Amino acid sequence: MKKTYKIEVDCASCALKMEEAARKVEGVADAAVSFMTQKMKVEFAEGVQEKAVMEAVRKACRKVESDCEVYLD
C-alpha cells in the first residue's frame, strides 16, 4: 500500500535526510520525499500497521532533522 503525507521541511538537503531515515524504518518498503511539494510518499510492506510505522517514521525523521514535521492526518 502507498500513501502520501504532507510534511514541513526547510531545505532540500534536510528532505533527503528525512527520505533516507524513513527508508530505514522497519515496515517501510520505499519512501520518497519532495522538498518542492512538501510531501512524503511511503510504500508500506505487506501486513504492517500503517499508523505504528508512520509514528516510527516521524520519530526517525526528527532524529535527523529536529524541526521537520510529518502530518499523519
C-alpha atoms as a PDB file:
ATOM      1  CA  MET A   1       0.000   0.000   0.000  1.00  0.00           C
ATOM      2  CA  LYS A   2       1.210   3.509  -0.830  1.00  0.00           C
ATOM      3  CA  LYS A   3       0.190   6.689   0.909  1.00  0.00           C
ATOM      4  CA  THR A   4       1.167  10.376   0.667  1.00  0.00           C
ATOM      5  CA  TYR A   5       1.719  12.602   3.700  1.00  0.00           C
ATOM      6  CA  LYS A   6       2.099  16.355   3.988  1.00  0.00           C
ATOM      7  CA  ILE A   7       5.406  17.389   5.523  1.00  0.00           C
ATOM      8  CA  GLU A   8       7.155  20.564   6.571  1.00  0.00           C
ATOM      9  CA  VAL A   9      10.886  20.801   5.940  1.00  0.00           C
ATOM     10  CA  ASP A  10      13.199  23.793   5.415  1.00  0.00           C
ATOM     11  CA  CYS A  11      15.641  22.666   2.719  1.00  0.00           C
ATOM     12  CA  ALA A  12      16.258  20.048   0.044  1.00  0.00           C
ATOM     13  CA  SER A  13      19.201  18.577   1.947  1.00  0.00           C
ATOM     14  CA  CYS A  14      17.007  18.079   5.003  1.00  0.00           C
ATOM     15  CA  ALA A  15      14.349  16.441   2.830  1.00  0.00           C
ATOM     16  CA  LEU A  16      16.957  13.967   1.581  1.00  0.00           C
ATOM     17  CA  LYS A  17      17.952  13.152   5.180  1.00  0.00           C
ATOM     18  CA  MET A  18      14.279  12.552   6.009  1.00  0.00           C
ATOM     19  CA  GLU A  19      13.882  10.251   2.993  1.00  0.00           C
ATOM     20  CA  GLU A  20      16.933   8.202   3.974  1.00  0.00           C
ATOM     21  CA  ALA A  21      15.730   7.938   7.590  1.00  0.00           C
ATOM     22  CA  ALA A  22      12.229   6.869   6.502  1.00  0.00           C
ATOM     23  CA  ARG A  23      13.599   4.129   4.250  1.00  0.00           C
ATOM     24  CA  LYS A  24      15.430   2.572   7.214  1.00  0.00           C
ATOM     25  CA  VAL A  25      12.269   2.179   9.307  1.00  0.00           C
ATOM     26  CA  GLU A  26      11.004  -1.384   9.597  1.00  0.00           C
ATOM     27  CA  GLY A  27       7.750  -1.749   7.684  1.00  0.00           C
ATOM     28  CA  VAL A  28       8.653   0.801   5.001  1.00  0.00           C
ATOM     29  CA  ALA A  29       9.223  -0.777   1.587  1.00  0.00           C
ATOM     30  CA  ASP A  30      10.111   2.566  -0.040  1.00  0.00           C
ATOM     31  CA  ALA A  31       9.898   6.281   0.672  1.00  0.00           C
ATOM     32  CA  ALA A  32      10.284   9.437  -1.380  1.00  0.00           C
ATOM     33  CA  VAL A  33      10.364  12.995  -0.036  1.00  0.00           C
ATOM     34  CA  SER A  34       9.818  16.043  -2.222  1.00  0.00           C
ATOM     35  CA  PHE A  35      11.051  19.360  -0.876  1.00  0.00           C
ATOM     36  CA  MET A  36       9.284  21.239  -3.692  1.00  0.00           C
ATOM     37  CA  THR A  37       5.821  19.815  -2.968  1.00  0.00           C
ATOM     38  CA  GLN A  38       6.398  19.293   0.784  1.00  0.00           C
ATOM     39  CA  LYS A  39       5.145  15.708   0.541  1.00  0.00           C
ATOM     40  CA  MET A  40       6.375  12.277   1.558  1.00  0.00           C
ATOM     41  CA  LYS A  41       5.237   9.192  -0.332  1.00  0.00           C
ATOM     42  CA  VAL A  42       5.542   5.964   1.626  1.00  0.00           C
ATOM     43  CA  GLU A  43       5.106   2.420   0.366  1.00  0.00           C
ATOM     44  CA  PHE A  44       4.385   0.034   3.214  1.00  0.00           C
ATOM     45  CA  ALA A  45       5.499  -3.588   3.491  1.00  0.00           C
ATOM     46  CA  GLU A  46       2.767  -6.243   3.471  1.00  0.00           C
ATOM     47  CA  GLY A  47       0.796  -6.687   6.667  1.00  0.00           C
ATOM     48  CA  VAL A  48       2.160  -3.774   8.713  1.00  0.00           C
ATOM     49  CA  GLN A  49       0.172  -1.366  10.857  1.00  0.00           C
ATOM     50  CA  GLU A  50       0.368   1.900   8.891  1.00  0.00           C
ATOM     51  CA  LYS A  51      -0.140   4.180  11.908  1.00  0.00           C
ATOM     52  CA  ALA A  52       2.581   2.487  14.000  1.00  0.00           C
ATOM     53  CA  VAL A  53       5.036   2.555  11.095  1.00  0.00           C
ATOM     54  CA  MET A  54       4.374   6.251  10.455  1.00  0.00           C
ATOM     55  CA  GLU A  55       4.925   7.104  14.123  1.00  0.00           C
ATOM     56  CA  ALA A  56       8.332   5.399  13.796  1.00  0.00           C
ATOM     57  CA  VAL A  57       8.990   7.306  10.547  1.00  0.00           C
ATOM     58  CA  ARG A  58       8.149  10.615  12.240  1.00  0.00           C
ATOM     59  CA  LYS A  59      10.488   9.797  15.131  1.00  0.00           C
ATOM     60  CA  ALA A  60      13.308   8.766  12.759  1.00  0.00           C
ATOM     61  CA  CYS A  61      12.902  11.941  10.710  1.00  0.00           C
ATOM     62  CA  ARG A  62      13.048  14.133  13.806  1.00  0.00           C
ATOM     63  CA  LYS A  63      16.324  12.474  14.818  1.00  0.00           C
ATOM     64  CA  VAL A  64      17.989  13.668  11.609  1.00  0.00           C
ATOM     65  CA  GLU A  65      16.078  16.958  11.280  1.00  0.00           C
ATOM     66  CA  SER A  66      14.650  18.151  14.587  1.00  0.00           C
ATOM     67  CA  ASP A  67      12.447  20.939  13.195  1.00  0.00           C
ATOM     68  CA  CYS A  68      10.723  18.875  10.493  1.00  0.00           C
ATOM     69  CA  GLU A  69       7.107  17.786  10.653  1.00  0.00           C
ATOM     70  CA  VAL A  70       5.237  14.819   9.191  1.00  0.00           C
ATOM     71  CA  TYR A  71       1.476  15.279   9.318  1.00  0.00           C
ATOM     72  CA  LEU A  72      -0.220  11.927   9.891  1.00  0.00           C
ATOM     73  CA  ASP A  73      -3.827  13.120   9.491  1.00  0.00           C
END
